[in-house]
Amino acid sequence: MRFSQFAGVLGCTTAAFISITPIQVEAATFKVISGVTSIDHDHEDILKNIGLTLTDTNNTVAPIPSNYLVGFNIDSATNFTFSDEGGFTPLSGTFEHTGSVTFNDKITVGDFSIGFAPGRTVTGASGFVLRDTLSLNTILFDLSIPKPVAFDGENLTISDVKLLISPEFATILQKPDLSGLFAGTARIDAEVAAVPEPDSVLAVLAAGAALLATRFYTQKIKCT
């Protein structure tokens, strides 16, 4: 009788575990945990044409690839998440960076934040923007995010991102006609980690419960 009770409990536990386990593979969610955002040399050349000369950098890192101009470390404050549905589907959050650049020995911008800003009207932009959080605290560039991106489950690479001068930055420069002008190329190379889905967490808990039940009743049978 005791063995029957044990078998019944184990069977019910196993059935519960199976019932909450997803039957089909669904899109997974990932979070960016580190990486580098790099700016190509064409950015420097284009800005020179509108009177902005790069004169200093601070707390920057080696760019990826190495022939790019400068790299900015993706900081641990980053909370950008995306789904692998359709290859790459942004969900929420921002890429946060450290590092700054100075133009004409007087304009310093940096600690950039990349995220989605609804309602953007710049032609060819994706809705993602690059914001300076160090001094001007404004959007400097609207971004075009090309597709497809490269993602292998652990690494995300978004190359050939076009930087388009934002209306806000054009106003600061007192050159409103620069709004939407192509201002160079960027690239994001990020390491990511999978975000556990609620069903996956429940499945792990159910599996643990089944294991504990097995050990408990096995031990109880031995002692009786």
C-alpha atoms as a PDB file:
ATOM      1  CA  MET A   1       0.000   0.000   0.000  1.00  0.00           C
ATOM      2  CA  ARG A   2       2.808   2.362   0.908  1.00  0.00           C
ATOM      3  CA  PHE A   3       4.556   1.642  -2.383  1.00  0.00           C
ATOM      4  CA  SER A   4       1.309   2.348  -4.247  1.00  0.00           C
ATOM      5  CA  GLN A   5       0.985   5.680  -2.490  1.00  0.00           C
ATOM      6  CA  PHE A   6       4.553   6.564  -3.437  1.00  0.00           C
ATOM      7  CA  ALA A   7       3.964   5.593  -7.058  1.00  0.00           C
ATOM      8  CA  GLY A   8       0.783   7.646  -7.139  1.00  0.00           C
ATOM      9  CA  VAL A   9       2.444  10.752  -5.767  1.00  0.00           C
ATOM     10  CA  LEU A  10       5.398  10.395  -8.136  1.00  0.00           C
ATOM     11  CA  GLY A  11       3.061   9.851 -11.054  1.00  0.00           C
ATOM     12  CA  CYS A  12       1.031  12.955 -10.230  1.00  0.00           C
ATOM     13  CA  THR A  13       4.180  15.027  -9.790  1.00  0.00           C
ATOM     14  CA  THR A  14       5.592  13.823 -13.079  1.00  0.00           C
ATOM     15  CA  ALA A  15       2.282  14.524 -14.812  1.00  0.00           C
ATOM     16  CA  ALA A  16       2.243  18.041 -13.398  1.00  0.00           C
ATOM     17  CA  PHE A  17       5.804  18.592 -14.588  1.00  0.00           C
ATOM     18  CA  ILE A  18       4.961  17.410 -18.091  1.00  0.00           C
ATOM     19  CA  SER A  19       1.775  19.486 -18.234  1.00  0.00           C
ATOM     20  CA  ILE A  20       3.594  22.774 -17.617  1.00  0.00           C
ATOM     21  CA  THR A  21       6.538  22.042 -19.895  1.00  0.00           C
ATOM     22  CA  PRO A  22       6.188  23.868 -23.232  1.00  0.00           C
ATOM     23  CA  ILE A  23       5.371  21.395 -25.967  1.00  0.00           C
ATOM     24  CA  GLN A  24       6.824  23.490 -28.756  1.00  0.00           C
ATOM     25  CA  VAL A  25       9.900  25.688 -28.937  1.00  0.00           C
ATOM     26  CA  GLU A  26       8.984  29.356 -28.564  1.00  0.00           C
ATOM     27  CA  ALA A  27      10.954  32.542 -29.125  1.00  0.00           C
ATOM     28  CA  ALA A  28      13.526  33.154 -26.392  1.00  0.00           C
ATOM     29  CA  THR A  29      14.372  36.446 -24.672  1.00  0.00           C
ATOM     30  CA  PHE A  30      17.934  37.715 -24.253  1.00  0.00           C
ATOM     31  CA  LYS A  31      19.583  40.545 -22.319  1.00  0.00           C
ATOM     32  CA  VAL A  32      22.725  42.426 -23.332  1.00  0.00           C
ATOM     33  CA  ILE A  33      25.348  42.124 -20.595  1.00  0.00           C
ATOM     34  CA  SER A  34      28.514  43.651 -22.095  1.00  0.00           C
ATOM     35  CA  GLY A  35      30.235  44.655 -25.302  1.00  0.00           C
ATOM     36  CA  VAL A  36      31.492  47.586 -27.361  1.00  0.00           C
ATOM     37  CA  THR A  37      29.855  50.157 -29.607  1.00  0.00           C
ATOM     38  CA  SER A  38      32.329  51.416 -32.204  1.00  0.00           C
ATOM     39  CA  ILE A  39      32.359  54.463 -34.476  1.00  0.00           C
ATOM     40  CA  ASP A  40      33.941  54.369 -37.927  1.00  0.00           C
ATOM     41  CA  HIS A  41      36.390  56.964 -39.290  1.00  0.00           C
ATOM     42  CA  ASP A  42      33.765  58.318 -41.691  1.00  0.00           C
ATOM     43  CA  HIS A  43      32.045  59.897 -38.663  1.00  0.00           C
ATOM     44  CA  GLU A  44      35.106  62.028 -37.918  1.00  0.00           C
ATOM     45  CA  ASP A  45      35.493  63.068 -41.556  1.00  0.00           C
ATOM     46  CA  ILE A  46      31.843  64.107 -41.915  1.00  0.00           C
ATOM     47  CA  LEU A  47      31.813  66.088 -38.673  1.00  0.00           C
ATOM     48  CA  LYS A  48      34.911  67.981 -39.805  1.00  0.00           C
ATOM     49  CA  ASN A  49      32.905  69.197 -42.784  1.00  0.00           C
ATOM     50  CA  ILE A  50      30.396  70.864 -40.446  1.00  0.00           C
ATOM     51  CA  GLY A  51      33.039  72.404 -38.199  1.00  0.00           C
ATOM     52  CA  LEU A  52      33.452  69.741 -35.499  1.00  0.00           C
ATOM     53  CA  THR A  53      37.004  68.458 -35.097  1.00  0.00           C
ATOM     54  CA  LEU A  54      37.729  65.601 -32.679  1.00  0.00           C
ATOM     55  CA  THR A  55      40.361  66.874 -30.254  1.00  0.00           C
ATOM     56  CA  ASP A  56      40.253  64.430 -27.332  1.00  0.00           C
ATOM     57  CA  THR A  57      38.844  61.129 -26.051  1.00  0.00           C
ATOM     58  CA  ASN A  58      38.464  59.909 -22.490  1.00  0.00           C
ATOM     59  CA  ASN A  59      37.778  56.450 -21.030  1.00  0.00           C
ATOM     60  CA  THR A  60      37.225  54.915 -24.460  1.00  0.00           C
ATOM     61  CA  VAL A  61      38.170  51.370 -25.535  1.00  0.00           C
ATOM     62  CA  ALA A  62      39.586  49.651 -28.595  1.00  0.00           C
ATOM     63  CA  PRO A  63      36.992  49.604 -31.372  1.00  0.00           C
ATOM     64  CA  ILE A  64      35.636  46.521 -33.124  1.00  0.00           C
ATOM     65  CA  PRO A  65      36.894  46.085 -35.786  1.00  0.00           C
ATOM     66  CA  SER A  66      40.312  47.566 -35.025  1.00  0.00           C
ATOM     67  CA  ASN A  67      40.311  49.854 -38.076  1.00  0.00           C
ATOM     68  CA  TYR A  68      37.362  51.843 -36.680  1.00  0.00           C
ATOM     69  CA  LEU A  69      37.961  55.204 -34.982  1.00  0.00           C
ATOM     70  CA  VAL A  70      36.943  54.681 -31.340  1.00  0.00           C
ATOM     71  CA  GLY A  71      35.030  52.292 -29.107  1.00  0.00           C
ATOM     72  CA  PHE A  72      32.728  52.842 -26.130  1.00  0.00           C
ATOM     73  CA  ASN A  73      32.308  50.168 -23.499  1.00  0.00           C
ATOM     74  CA  ILE A  74      28.764  48.856 -22.974  1.00  0.00           C
ATOM     75  CA  ASP A  75      28.262  49.412 -19.260  1.00  0.00           C
ATOM     76  CA  SER A  76      26.725  47.061 -16.679  1.00  0.00           C
ATOM     77  CA  ALA A  77      23.773  49.486 -16.337  1.00  0.00           C
ATOM     78  CA  THR A  78      22.583  48.241 -19.744  1.00  0.00           C
ATOM     79  CA  ASN A  79      19.157  46.570 -19.597  1.00  0.00           C
ATOM     80  CA  PHE A  80      18.399  46.123 -23.288  1.00  0.00           C
ATOM     81  CA  THR A  81      16.391  42.977 -24.064  1.00  0.00           C
ATOM     82  CA  PHE A  82      15.327  41.405 -27.333  1.00  0.00           C
ATOM     83  CA  SER A  83      13.667  38.300 -28.701  1.00  0.00           C
ATOM     84  CA  ASP A  84      15.133  35.946 -31.289  1.00  0.00           C
ATOM     85  CA  GLU A  85      11.767  35.873 -33.030  1.00  0.00           C
ATOM     86  CA  GLY A  86      12.382  36.728 -36.670  1.00  0.00           C
ATOM     87  CA  GLY A  87      16.099  36.756 -35.909  1.00  0.00           C
ATOM     88  CA  PHE A  88      16.057  39.947 -33.827  1.00  0.00           C
ATOM     89  CA  THR A  89      13.092  41.754 -32.282  1.00  0.00           C
ATOM     90  CA  PRO A  90      13.871  44.556 -29.769  1.00  0.00           C
ATOM     91  CA  LEU A  91      11.739  44.444 -26.621  1.00  0.00           C
ATOM     92  CA  SER A  92      12.791  47.089 -24.086  1.00  0.00           C
ATOM     93  CA  GLY A  93      15.643  48.847 -22.308  1.00  0.00           C
ATOM     94  CA  THR A  94      18.759  50.718 -23.379  1.00  0.00           C
ATOM     95  CA  PHE A  95      22.434  50.235 -24.168  1.00  0.00           C
ATOM     96  CA  GLU A  96      24.408  52.310 -21.649  1.00  0.00           C
ATOM     97  CA  HIS A  97      28.019  53.317 -22.351  1.00  0.00           C
ATOM     98  CA  THR A  98      31.042  54.863 -20.693  1.00  0.00           C
ATOM     99  CA  GLY A  99      33.561  57.139 -22.385  1.00  0.00           C
ATOM    100  CA  SER A 100      33.512  60.590 -23.933  1.00  0.00           C
ATOM    101  CA  VAL A 101      34.813  62.600 -26.889  1.00  0.00           C
ATOM    102  CA  THR A 102      35.623  66.292 -27.173  1.00  0.00           C
ATOM    103  CA  PHE A 103      35.235  68.465 -30.258  1.00  0.00           C
ATOM    104  CA  ASN A 104      37.023  71.757 -30.886  1.00  0.00           C
ATOM    105  CA  ASP A 105      38.502  71.578 -27.363  1.00  0.00           C
ATOM    106  CA  LYS A 106      35.201  72.787 -25.899  1.00  0.00           C
ATOM    107  CA  ILE A 107      32.268  70.459 -26.632  1.00  0.00           C
ATOM    108  CA  THR A 108      32.453  67.190 -24.658  1.00  0.00           C
ATOM    109  CA  VAL A 109      29.771  64.535 -25.054  1.00  0.00           C
ATOM    110  CA  GLY A 110      29.643  60.943 -23.858  1.00  0.00           C
ATOM    111  CA  ASP A 111      28.274  58.258 -21.549  1.00  0.00           C
ATOM    112  CA  PHE A 112      25.972  57.569 -24.468  1.00  0.00           C
ATOM    113  CA  SER A 113      22.619  55.840 -24.156  1.00  0.00           C
ATOM    114  CA  ILE A 114      21.052  53.996 -27.099  1.00  0.00           C
ATOM    115  CA  GLY A 115      17.366  53.203 -26.910  1.00  0.00           C
ATOM    116  CA  PHE A 116      14.019  53.488 -28.634  1.00  0.00           C
ATOM    117  CA  ALA A 117      12.317  56.884 -28.705  1.00  0.00           C
ATOM    118  CA  PRO A 118       8.745  56.840 -30.046  1.00  0.00           C
ATOM    119  CA  GLY A 119       7.523  59.517 -32.402  1.00  0.00           C
ATOM    120  CA  ARG A 120      10.769  60.163 -34.265  1.00  0.00           C
ATOM    121  CA  THR A 121      10.228  61.633 -37.746  1.00  0.00           C
ATOM    122  CA  VAL A 122      13.723  61.573 -39.261  1.00  0.00           C
ATOM    123  CA  THR A 123      13.590  59.917 -42.681  1.00  0.00           C
ATOM    124  CA  GLY A 124      15.342  56.544 -42.807  1.00  0.00           C
ATOM    125  CA  ALA A 125      15.631  56.232 -39.025  1.00  0.00           C
ATOM    126  CA  SER A 126      14.519  53.190 -37.030  1.00  0.00           C
ATOM    127  CA  GLY A 127      13.205  54.938 -33.927  1.00  0.00           C
ATOM    128  CA  PHE A 128      16.405  54.160 -32.033  1.00  0.00           C
ATOM    129  CA  VAL A 129      18.491  57.133 -30.951  1.00  0.00           C
ATOM    130  CA  LEU A 130      21.892  57.887 -29.454  1.00  0.00           C
ATOM    131  CA  ARG A 131      21.641  60.282 -26.519  1.00  0.00           C
ATOM    132  CA  ASP A 132      24.425  62.174 -24.765  1.00  0.00           C
ATOM    133  CA  THR A 133      23.978  61.902 -20.983  1.00  0.00           C
ATOM    134  CA  LEU A 134      27.206  63.656 -19.985  1.00  0.00           C
ATOM    135  CA  SER A 135      26.715  67.323 -20.816  1.00  0.00           C
ATOM    136  CA  LEU A 136      24.054  68.221 -23.376  1.00  0.00           C
ATOM    137  CA  ASN A 137      21.620  65.543 -22.175  1.00  0.00           C
ATOM    138  CA  THR A 138      19.928  65.378 -25.542  1.00  0.00           C
ATOM    139  CA  ILE A 139      19.565  63.132 -28.582  1.00  0.00           C
ATOM    140  CA  LEU A 140      22.540  63.597 -30.890  1.00  0.00           C
ATOM    141  CA  PHE A 141      21.751  61.056 -33.591  1.00  0.00           C
ATOM    142  CA  ASP A 142      18.842  59.068 -34.909  1.00  0.00           C
ATOM    143  CA  LEU A 143      19.905  55.560 -35.895  1.00  0.00           C
ATOM    144  CA  SER A 144      19.068  53.270 -38.753  1.00  0.00           C
ATOM    145  CA  ILE A 145      19.196  49.633 -37.638  1.00  0.00           C
ATOM    146  CA  PRO A 146      19.823  47.420 -40.688  1.00  0.00           C
ATOM    147  CA  LYS A 147      18.457  43.901 -40.968  1.00  0.00           C
ATOM    148  CA  PRO A 148      19.307  41.143 -40.679  1.00  0.00           C
ATOM    149  CA  VAL A 149      21.597  41.386 -37.669  1.00  0.00           C
ATOM    150  CA  ALA A 150      24.072  38.668 -36.697  1.00  0.00           C
ATOM    151  CA  PHE A 151      23.083  36.608 -33.643  1.00  0.00           C
ATOM    152  CA  ASP A 152      24.367  33.176 -32.631  1.00  0.00           C
ATOM    153  CA  GLY A 153      22.673  32.785 -29.242  1.00  0.00           C
ATOM    154  CA  GLU A 154      25.561  34.344 -27.297  1.00  0.00           C
ATOM    155  CA  ASN A 155      26.794  37.264 -29.387  1.00  0.00           C
ATOM    156  CA  LEU A 156      24.847  40.038 -31.084  1.00  0.00           C
ATOM    157  CA  THR A 157      26.412  42.106 -33.867  1.00  0.00           C
ATOM    158  CA  ILE A 158      24.615  45.063 -35.425  1.00  0.00           C
ATOM    159  CA  SER A 159      26.835  46.473 -38.142  1.00  0.00           C
ATOM    160  CA  ASP A 160      26.439  49.350 -40.599  1.00  0.00           C
ATOM    161  CA  VAL A 161      24.304  51.441 -38.246  1.00  0.00           C
ATOM    162  CA  LYS A 162      23.839  54.867 -39.855  1.00  0.00           C
ATOM    163  CA  LEU A 163      24.150  57.927 -37.611  1.00  0.00           C
ATOM    164  CA  LEU A 164      21.733  60.670 -38.703  1.00  0.00           C
ATOM    165  CA  ILE A 165      22.044  64.111 -37.120  1.00  0.00           C
ATOM    166  CA  SER A 166      19.015  64.675 -34.903  1.00  0.00           C
ATOM    167  CA  PRO A 167      16.834  67.791 -35.068  1.00  0.00           C
ATOM    168  CA  GLU A 168      17.873  68.488 -31.461  1.00  0.00           C
ATOM    169  CA  PHE A 169      21.594  68.401 -32.264  1.00  0.00           C
ATOM    170  CA  ALA A 170      21.093  70.450 -35.433  1.00  0.00           C
ATOM    171  CA  THR A 171      19.386  73.122 -33.324  1.00  0.00           C
ATOM    172  CA  ILE A 172      22.260  73.166 -30.810  1.00  0.00           C
ATOM    173  CA  LEU A 173      24.691  73.598 -33.711  1.00  0.00           C
ATOM    174  CA  GLN A 174      22.455  76.420 -34.993  1.00  0.00           C
ATOM    175  CA  LYS A 175      22.256  74.625 -38.323  1.00  0.00           C
ATOM    176  CA  PRO A 176      18.723  73.216 -38.563  1.00  0.00           C
ATOM    177  CA  ASP A 177      19.278  72.193 -42.182  1.00  0.00           C
ATOM    178  CA  LEU A 178      21.653  69.465 -40.906  1.00  0.00           C
ATOM    179  CA  SER A 179      18.731  67.494 -39.436  1.00  0.00           C
ATOM    180  CA  GLY A 180      18.683  63.968 -40.874  1.00  0.00           C
ATOM    181  CA  LEU A 181      22.120  64.322 -42.502  1.00  0.00           C
ATOM    182  CA  PHE A 182      24.193  61.128 -42.619  1.00  0.00           C
ATOM    183  CA  ALA A 183      27.002  61.587 -40.080  1.00  0.00           C
ATOM    184  CA  GLY A 184      28.869  58.287 -40.125  1.00  0.00           C
ATOM    185  CA  THR A 185      28.662  54.592 -39.331  1.00  0.00           C
ATOM    186  CA  ALA A 186      28.525  52.713 -36.032  1.00  0.00           C
ATOM    187  CA  ARG A 187      28.630  49.055 -35.025  1.00  0.00           C
ATOM    188  CA  ILE A 188      27.416  47.261 -31.890  1.00  0.00           C
ATOM    189  CA  ASP A 189      29.145  44.067 -30.709  1.00  0.00           C
ATOM    190  CA  ALA A 190      27.456  42.702 -27.594  1.00  0.00           C
ATOM    191  CA  GLU A 191      27.559  39.621 -25.412  1.00  0.00           C
ATOM    192  CA  VAL A 192      24.131  38.450 -24.284  1.00  0.00           C
ATOM    193  CA  ALA A 193      22.555  36.056 -21.814  1.00  0.00           C
ATOM    194  CA  ALA A 194      19.239  34.239 -22.040  1.00  0.00           C
ATOM    195  CA  VAL A 195      16.460  35.530 -19.798  1.00  0.00           C
ATOM    196  CA  PRO A 196      14.596  32.616 -18.136  1.00  0.00           C
ATOM    197  CA  GLU A 197      10.990  32.421 -19.232  1.00  0.00           C
ATOM    198  CA  PRO A 198       8.297  31.992 -16.524  1.00  0.00           C
ATOM    199  CA  ASP A 199       7.401  28.541 -17.889  1.00  0.00           C
ATOM    200  CA  SER A 200      11.049  27.494 -17.678  1.00  0.00           C
ATOM    201  CA  VAL A 201      11.268  28.594 -14.046  1.00  0.00           C
ATOM    202  CA  LEU A 202       8.107  26.643 -13.204  1.00  0.00           C
ATOM    203  CA  ALA A 203       9.482  23.602 -14.982  1.00  0.00           C
ATOM    204  CA  VAL A 204      12.674  23.730 -12.915  1.00  0.00           C
ATOM    205  CA  LEU A 205      10.662  24.072  -9.705  1.00  0.00           C
ATOM    206  CA  ALA A 206       8.435  21.166 -10.703  1.00  0.00           C
ATOM    207  CA  ALA A 207      11.441  19.003 -11.499  1.00  0.00           C
ATOM    208  CA  GLY A 208      12.919  19.852  -8.106  1.00  0.00           C
ATOM    209  CA  ALA A 209       9.658  18.982  -6.385  1.00  0.00           C
ATOM    210  CA  ALA A 210       9.528  15.644  -8.169  1.00  0.00           C
ATOM    211  CA  LEU A 211      13.085  14.846  -7.115  1.00  0.00           C
ATOM    212  CA  LEU A 212      12.399  15.765  -3.498  1.00  0.00           C
ATOM    213  CA  ALA A 213       9.229  13.677  -3.485  1.00  0.00           C
ATOM    214  CA  THR A 214      11.139  10.691  -4.866  1.00  0.00           C
ATOM    215  CA  ARG A 215      13.864  10.969  -2.238  1.00  0.00           C
ATOM    216  CA  PHE A 216      11.380  11.466   0.598  1.00  0.00           C
ATOM    217  CA  TYR A 217       9.194   8.475  -0.205  1.00  0.00           C
ATOM    218  CA  THR A 218      12.160   6.258  -1.042  1.00  0.00           C
ATOM    219  CA  GLN A 219      13.648   7.074   2.360  1.00  0.00           C
ATOM    220  CA  LYS A 220      10.265   6.504   4.036  1.00  0.00           C
ATOM    221  CA  ILE A 221       9.931   3.041   2.474  1.00  0.00           C
ATOM    222  CA  LYS A 222      13.417   2.094   3.685  1.00  0.00           C
ATOM    223  CA  CYS A 223      12.585   3.113   7.221  1.00  0.00           C
ATOM    224  CA  THR A 224       9.259   1.211   7.437  1.00  0.00           C
END
